[in-house]
Amino acid sequence: MANNFRILVHRNDDNLHMKLIGDFDGSSANELLNHIRKYCQKFSIIFIHTGCVEKLIPFGVGVFKSNLNDLKKRHIHLVFTGENAAQFSA
């Protein structure tokens, strides 16, 4: 995981918000996926805020996207926000 990567998690009503901070590499992708899997039973909508991602490493984005189909089977609605949202959701 990138040394400067963190995920801040907070709840707002029935929704969960995850704010990504730092460089997003393959290990960061796995950490994000683990967080989503951890909380998916409790929340149907998870907001992932990408505005504080400093550097998107293509391998990390690829790792995340390759696992999106598995997450969709769990009936989770992921909402990406911020300037890097398109890279995560496309």
N, C-alpha and C. Protein backbone atom coordinates (compact mmCIF):
# COMPACT_ATOMS: atom_id res chain seq x y z
N MET A 1 0.85 -1.17 0.00
CA MET A 1 0.00 0.00 0.00
C MET A 1 0.90 1.23 0.00
N ALA A 2 0.47 2.23 -0.73
CA ALA A 2 1.22 3.48 -0.76
C ALA A 2 1.33 4.01 0.67
N ASN A 3 2.50 4.52 1.00
CA ASN A 3 2.75 5.00 2.36
C ASN A 3 1.79 6.09 2.80
N ASN A 4 1.31 6.87 1.87
CA ASN A 4 0.47 8.01 2.23
C ASN A 4 -1.02 7.74 2.03
N PHE A 5 -1.41 6.50 1.77
CA PHE A 5 -2.81 6.20 1.50
C PHE A 5 -3.59 5.94 2.78
N ARG A 6 -4.79 6.54 2.86
CA ARG A 6 -5.68 6.33 4.00
C ARG A 6 -7.12 6.33 3.50
N ILE A 7 -7.98 5.69 4.25
CA ILE A 7 -9.41 5.73 3.99
C ILE A 7 -10.09 6.22 5.25
N LEU A 8 -10.75 7.37 5.15
CA LEU A 8 -11.54 7.88 6.26
C LEU A 8 -12.97 7.42 6.06
N VAL A 9 -13.56 6.84 7.09
CA VAL A 9 -14.90 6.28 7.00
C VAL A 9 -15.81 6.98 7.99
N HIS A 10 -16.98 7.41 7.52
CA HIS A 10 -17.99 7.94 8.44
C HIS A 10 -19.38 7.64 7.92
N ARG A 11 -20.30 7.61 8.85
CA ARG A 11 -21.70 7.29 8.56
C ARG A 11 -22.51 8.57 8.55
N ASN A 12 -23.46 8.63 7.61
CA ASN A 12 -24.37 9.76 7.51
C ASN A 12 -25.76 9.17 7.26
N ASP A 13 -26.60 9.19 8.27
CA ASP A 13 -27.92 8.55 8.20
C ASP A 13 -27.75 7.07 7.87
N ASP A 14 -28.33 6.63 6.77
CA ASP A 14 -28.23 5.22 6.39
C ASP A 14 -27.15 4.96 5.35
N ASN A 15 -26.32 5.94 5.10
CA ASN A 15 -25.28 5.82 4.07
C ASN A 15 -23.91 5.79 4.72
N LEU A 16 -22.97 5.21 3.99
CA LEU A 16 -21.58 5.19 4.43
C LEU A 16 -20.76 6.00 3.45
N HIS A 17 -19.82 6.76 3.97
CA HIS A 17 -18.93 7.58 3.16
C HIS A 17 -17.49 7.14 3.40
N MET A 18 -16.75 6.95 2.31
CA MET A 18 -15.33 6.63 2.39
C MET A 18 -14.56 7.68 1.60
N LYS A 19 -13.65 8.34 2.28
CA LYS A 19 -12.84 9.37 1.63
C LYS A 19 -11.44 8.79 1.41
N LEU A 20 -11.04 8.72 0.15
CA LEU A 20 -9.73 8.19 -0.21
C LEU A 20 -8.72 9.32 -0.21
N ILE A 21 -7.60 9.11 0.47
CA ILE A 21 -6.57 10.14 0.58
C ILE A 21 -5.22 9.53 0.23
N GLY A 22 -4.47 10.18 -0.66
CA GLY A 22 -3.12 9.74 -0.99
C GLY A 22 -3.05 9.06 -2.34
N ASP A 23 -2.00 8.25 -2.53
CA ASP A 23 -1.76 7.56 -3.79
C ASP A 23 -2.50 6.23 -3.80
N PHE A 24 -3.15 5.93 -4.93
CA PHE A 24 -3.97 4.72 -5.05
C PHE A 24 -3.24 3.71 -5.92
N ASP A 25 -2.68 2.66 -5.27
CA ASP A 25 -1.98 1.60 -5.99
C ASP A 25 -2.73 0.27 -5.79
N GLY A 26 -2.11 -0.84 -6.15
CA GLY A 26 -2.76 -2.13 -6.04
C GLY A 26 -3.13 -2.50 -4.61
N SER A 27 -2.24 -2.24 -3.67
CA SER A 27 -2.54 -2.54 -2.27
C SER A 27 -3.65 -1.64 -1.74
N SER A 28 -3.65 -0.40 -2.18
CA SER A 28 -4.72 0.53 -1.79
C SER A 28 -6.06 0.04 -2.32
N ALA A 29 -6.06 -0.49 -3.53
CA ALA A 29 -7.29 -1.03 -4.12
C ALA A 29 -7.81 -2.19 -3.27
N ASN A 30 -6.92 -3.07 -2.85
CA ASN A 30 -7.34 -4.19 -2.02
C ASN A 30 -7.87 -3.71 -0.67
N GLU A 31 -7.25 -2.69 -0.11
CA GLU A 31 -7.75 -2.14 1.15
C GLU A 31 -9.15 -1.56 0.97
N LEU A 32 -9.37 -0.83 -0.11
CA LEU A 32 -10.70 -0.28 -0.38
C LEU A 32 -11.72 -1.40 -0.57
N LEU A 33 -11.37 -2.41 -1.33
CA LEU A 33 -12.28 -3.55 -1.55
C LEU A 33 -12.62 -4.24 -0.23
N ASN A 34 -11.64 -4.40 0.64
CA ASN A 34 -11.89 -5.02 1.94
C ASN A 34 -12.82 -4.17 2.79
N HIS A 35 -12.65 -2.85 2.75
CA HIS A 35 -13.55 -1.96 3.48
C HIS A 35 -14.98 -2.08 2.95
N ILE A 36 -15.12 -2.11 1.64
CA ILE A 36 -16.46 -2.22 1.04
C ILE A 36 -17.10 -3.54 1.45
N ARG A 37 -16.35 -4.62 1.36
CA ARG A 37 -16.89 -5.93 1.75
C ARG A 37 -17.28 -5.95 3.23
N LYS A 38 -16.50 -5.29 4.05
CA LYS A 38 -16.76 -5.25 5.49
C LYS A 38 -18.09 -4.57 5.80
N TYR A 39 -18.38 -3.50 5.08
CA TYR A 39 -19.56 -2.69 5.40
C TYR A 39 -20.77 -2.98 4.52
N CYS A 40 -20.64 -3.80 3.49
CA CYS A 40 -21.72 -3.97 2.52
C CYS A 40 -22.98 -4.59 3.12
N GLN A 41 -22.85 -5.34 4.20
CA GLN A 41 -24.02 -5.94 4.83
C GLN A 41 -24.85 -4.90 5.59
N LYS A 42 -24.20 -3.82 6.00
CA LYS A 42 -24.87 -2.81 6.84
C LYS A 42 -25.42 -1.64 6.05
N PHE A 43 -24.86 -1.38 4.87
CA PHE A 43 -25.23 -0.20 4.09
C PHE A 43 -25.50 -0.61 2.65
N SER A 44 -26.58 -0.10 2.09
CA SER A 44 -26.87 -0.41 0.68
C SER A 44 -26.25 0.62 -0.26
N ILE A 45 -25.95 1.80 0.26
CA ILE A 45 -25.31 2.84 -0.55
C ILE A 45 -24.00 3.24 0.13
N ILE A 46 -22.93 3.19 -0.63
CA ILE A 46 -21.62 3.60 -0.14
C ILE A 46 -21.09 4.68 -1.08
N PHE A 47 -20.81 5.84 -0.51
CA PHE A 47 -20.22 6.95 -1.26
C PHE A 47 -18.71 6.85 -1.13
N ILE A 48 -18.03 6.92 -2.27
CA ILE A 48 -16.57 6.88 -2.27
C ILE A 48 -16.09 8.20 -2.85
N HIS A 49 -15.47 9.00 -2.00
CA HIS A 49 -15.02 10.33 -2.37
C HIS A 49 -13.56 10.26 -2.83
N THR A 50 -13.31 10.66 -4.07
CA THR A 50 -11.99 10.49 -4.69
C THR A 50 -11.21 11.79 -4.85
N GLY A 51 -11.76 12.89 -4.38
CA GLY A 51 -11.14 14.19 -4.62
C GLY A 51 -9.77 14.37 -3.99
N CYS A 52 -9.44 13.58 -2.98
CA CYS A 52 -8.15 13.71 -2.31
C CYS A 52 -7.14 12.65 -2.74
N VAL A 53 -7.48 11.89 -3.78
CA VAL A 53 -6.50 10.95 -4.34
C VAL A 53 -5.47 11.78 -5.08
N GLU A 54 -4.22 11.64 -4.68
CA GLU A 54 -3.15 12.45 -5.28
C GLU A 54 -2.63 11.84 -6.57
N LYS A 55 -2.49 10.52 -6.59
CA LYS A 55 -1.94 9.85 -7.77
C LYS A 55 -2.68 8.54 -7.97
N LEU A 56 -3.20 8.34 -9.17
CA LEU A 56 -3.87 7.08 -9.52
C LEU A 56 -2.90 6.21 -10.30
N ILE A 57 -2.48 5.12 -9.71
CA ILE A 57 -1.62 4.19 -10.41
C ILE A 57 -2.52 3.25 -11.21
N PRO A 58 -2.32 3.14 -12.53
CA PRO A 58 -3.21 2.33 -13.37
C PRO A 58 -3.42 0.90 -12.86
N PHE A 59 -2.38 0.28 -12.32
CA PHE A 59 -2.53 -1.07 -11.80
C PHE A 59 -3.55 -1.11 -10.66
N GLY A 60 -3.52 -0.12 -9.79
CA GLY A 60 -4.47 -0.06 -8.68
C GLY A 60 -5.90 0.08 -9.15
N VAL A 61 -6.11 0.94 -10.14
CA VAL A 61 -7.45 1.11 -10.71
C VAL A 61 -7.90 -0.20 -11.36
N GLY A 62 -6.98 -0.88 -12.05
CA GLY A 62 -7.31 -2.15 -12.68
C GLY A 62 -7.71 -3.22 -11.67
N VAL A 63 -6.98 -3.28 -10.55
CA VAL A 63 -7.33 -4.24 -9.49
C VAL A 63 -8.72 -3.95 -8.97
N PHE A 64 -9.02 -2.69 -8.74
CA PHE A 64 -10.34 -2.32 -8.22
C PHE A 64 -11.43 -2.68 -9.22
N LYS A 65 -11.26 -2.27 -10.47
CA LYS A 65 -12.29 -2.52 -11.48
C LYS A 65 -12.51 -4.01 -11.73
N SER A 66 -11.45 -4.80 -11.64
CA SER A 66 -11.60 -6.23 -11.89
C SER A 66 -12.44 -6.92 -10.82
N ASN A 67 -12.64 -6.26 -9.69
CA ASN A 67 -13.45 -6.82 -8.61
C ASN A 67 -14.84 -6.20 -8.51
N LEU A 68 -15.17 -5.27 -9.38
CA LEU A 68 -16.47 -4.60 -9.31
C LEU A 68 -17.63 -5.55 -9.56
N ASN A 69 -17.48 -6.51 -10.46
CA ASN A 69 -18.58 -7.45 -10.73
C ASN A 69 -18.94 -8.25 -9.49
N ASP A 70 -17.93 -8.66 -8.72
CA ASP A 70 -18.19 -9.38 -7.48
C ASP A 70 -18.98 -8.51 -6.50
N LEU A 71 -18.64 -7.24 -6.44
CA LEU A 71 -19.34 -6.33 -5.53
C LEU A 71 -20.78 -6.09 -5.98
N LYS A 72 -21.00 -6.04 -7.29
CA LYS A 72 -22.35 -5.82 -7.80
C LYS A 72 -23.28 -6.97 -7.46
N LYS A 73 -22.74 -8.16 -7.33
CA LYS A 73 -23.54 -9.32 -6.94
C LYS A 73 -24.08 -9.17 -5.52
N ARG A 74 -23.44 -8.33 -4.73
CA ARG A 74 -23.85 -8.13 -3.35
C ARG A 74 -24.91 -7.04 -3.21
N HIS A 75 -25.38 -6.52 -4.32
CA HIS A 75 -26.43 -5.49 -4.34
C HIS A 75 -26.03 -4.23 -3.58
N ILE A 76 -24.80 -3.82 -3.79
CA ILE A 76 -24.31 -2.58 -3.20
C ILE A 76 -24.37 -1.51 -4.28
N HIS A 77 -24.79 -0.34 -3.90
CA HIS A 77 -24.77 0.79 -4.83
C HIS A 77 -23.59 1.67 -4.43
N LEU A 78 -22.58 1.71 -5.30
CA LEU A 78 -21.41 2.55 -5.06
C LEU A 78 -21.58 3.85 -5.81
N VAL A 79 -21.39 4.96 -5.11
CA VAL A 79 -21.48 6.28 -5.72
C VAL A 79 -20.11 6.93 -5.58
N PHE A 80 -19.48 7.22 -6.72
CA PHE A 80 -18.17 7.83 -6.71
C PHE A 80 -18.32 9.33 -6.92
N THR A 81 -17.59 10.10 -6.12
CA THR A 81 -17.62 11.55 -6.25
C THR A 81 -16.19 12.07 -6.37
N GLY A 82 -16.06 13.31 -6.80
CA GLY A 82 -14.74 13.93 -6.88
C GLY A 82 -14.16 13.87 -8.27
N GLU A 83 -13.03 14.51 -8.41
CA GLU A 83 -12.42 14.66 -9.73
C GLU A 83 -11.93 13.35 -10.33
N ASN A 84 -11.71 12.32 -9.52
CA ASN A 84 -11.25 11.03 -10.03
C ASN A 84 -12.36 9.99 -10.14
N ALA A 85 -13.60 10.41 -9.95
CA ALA A 85 -14.73 9.47 -9.92
C ALA A 85 -14.85 8.66 -11.21
N ALA A 86 -14.65 9.27 -12.34
CA ALA A 86 -14.83 8.58 -13.62
C ALA A 86 -13.85 7.42 -13.79
N GLN A 87 -12.64 7.56 -13.27
CA GLN A 87 -11.65 6.49 -13.40
C GLN A 87 -12.04 5.26 -12.59
N PHE A 88 -12.76 5.44 -11.51
CA PHE A 88 -13.16 4.32 -10.67
C PHE A 88 -14.42 3.63 -11.18
N SER A 89 -15.35 4.39 -11.71
CA SER A 89 -16.65 3.83 -12.06
C SER A 89 -16.75 3.37 -13.51
N ALA A 90 -15.88 3.81 -14.37
CA ALA A 90 -15.98 3.47 -15.80
C ALA A 90 -15.60 2.03 -16.06
